C-alpha atoms as a PDB file:
ATOM      1  CA  UNK A   1      -0.555 -29.559  10.981  1.00  0.00           C
ATOM      2  CA  UNK A   2       2.170 -27.298  13.023  1.00  0.00           C
ATOM      3  CA  UNK A   3       3.959 -26.451   9.784  1.00  0.00           C
ATOM      4  CA  UNK A   4       0.492 -25.116   8.083  1.00  0.00           C
ATOM      5  CA  UNK A   5      -0.350 -23.338  11.397  1.00  0.00           C
ATOM      6  CA  UNK A   6       2.982 -21.535  11.064  1.00  0.00           C
ATOM      7  CA  UNK A   7       2.458 -20.518   7.357  1.00  0.00           C
ATOM      8  CA  UNK A   8      -0.685 -19.046   8.617  1.00  0.00           C
ATOM      9  CA  UNK A   9       0.701 -17.186  11.138  1.00  0.00           C
ATOM     10  CA  UNK A  10       3.353 -15.832   8.679  1.00  0.00           C
ATOM     11  CA  UNK A  11       0.449 -14.922   6.209  1.00  0.00           C
ATOM     12  CA  UNK A  12      -1.253 -13.340   8.878  1.00  0.00           C
ATOM     13  CA  UNK A  13       1.578 -11.315  10.012  1.00  0.00           C
ATOM     14  CA  UNK A  14       2.183  -9.840   6.440  1.00  0.00           C
ATOM     15  CA  UNK A  15      -1.521  -9.120   6.099  1.00  0.00           C
ATOM     16  CA  UNK A  16      -1.537  -7.375   9.086  1.00  0.00           C
ATOM     17  CA  UNK A  17       1.628  -5.296   8.223  1.00  0.00           C
ATOM     18  CA  UNK A  18      -0.171  -4.413   4.811  1.00  0.00           C
ATOM     19  CA  UNK A  19      -3.685  -3.689   6.686  1.00  0.00           C
ATOM     20  CA  UNK A  20      -1.958  -1.649   9.215  1.00  0.00           C
ATOM     21  CA  UNK A  21      -0.607   0.810   6.555  1.00  0.00           C
ATOM     22  CA  UNK A  22      -3.983   0.972   5.031  1.00  0.00           C
ATOM     23  CA  UNK A  23      -5.643   1.468   8.317  1.00  0.00           C
ATOM     24  CA  UNK A  24      -3.341   4.203   9.103  1.00  0.00           C
ATOM     25  CA  UNK A  25      -4.147   6.149   6.454  1.00  0.00           C
ATOM     26  CA  UNK A  26      -7.876   5.497   7.241  1.00  0.00           C
ATOM     27  CA  UNK A  27      -7.366   6.515  10.557  1.00  0.00           C
ATOM     28  CA  UNK A  28      -5.609   9.857   9.520  1.00  0.00           C
ATOM     29  CA  UNK A  29      -8.183  10.623   7.139  1.00  0.00           C
ATOM     30  CA  UNK A  30     -10.879  10.103   9.544  1.00  0.00           C
ATOM     31  CA  UNK A  31      -8.957  12.086  12.039  1.00  0.00           C
ATOM     32  CA  UNK A  32      -8.922  15.053   9.918  1.00  0.00           C
ATOM     33  CA  UNK A  33     -12.519  15.062   8.912  1.00  0.00           C
ATOM     34  CA  UNK A  34     -13.496  14.746  12.706  1.00  0.00           C
ATOM     35  CA  UNK A  35     -11.133  17.779  13.517  1.00  0.00           C
ATOM     36  CA  UNK A  36     -12.701  19.730  10.480  1.00  0.00           C
ATOM     37  CA  UNK A  37     -16.090  18.676  11.794  1.00  0.00           C
ATOM     38  CA  UNK A  38     -15.116  19.916  15.336  1.00  0.00           C
ATOM     39  CA  UNK A  39     -13.306  23.021  14.103  1.00  0.00           C
ATOM     40  CA  UNK A  40     -16.414  24.245  12.372  1.00  0.00           C
ATOM     41  CA  UNK A  41     -18.423  23.734  15.674  1.00  0.00           C
ATOM     42  CA  UNK A  42     -15.971  25.390  17.612  1.00  0.00           C
ATOM     43  CA  UNK A  43     -16.054  28.621  15.234  1.00  0.00           C
ATOM     44  CA  UNK A  44     -19.870  28.617  15.704  1.00  0.00           C
ATOM     45  CA  UNK A  45     -19.597  28.472  19.501  1.00  0.00           C
ATOM     46  CA  UNK A  46     -17.020  31.095  19.373  1.00  0.00           C
ATOM     47  CA  UNK A  47     -19.179  33.304  17.372  1.00  0.00           C
ATOM     48  CA  UNK A  48     -22.435  32.865  19.472  1.00  0.00           C
END
């Protein structure tokens, strides 16, 4: 039972690393979108 648990943990570690890379990209993309959105809002405020 313990051996299986170690294998599961190893798989999880590997999956986490792969997910971390994907998530990192998603986070950066999301951050860009948010920044663009705020940038437009700030431009509107600056004009008023």
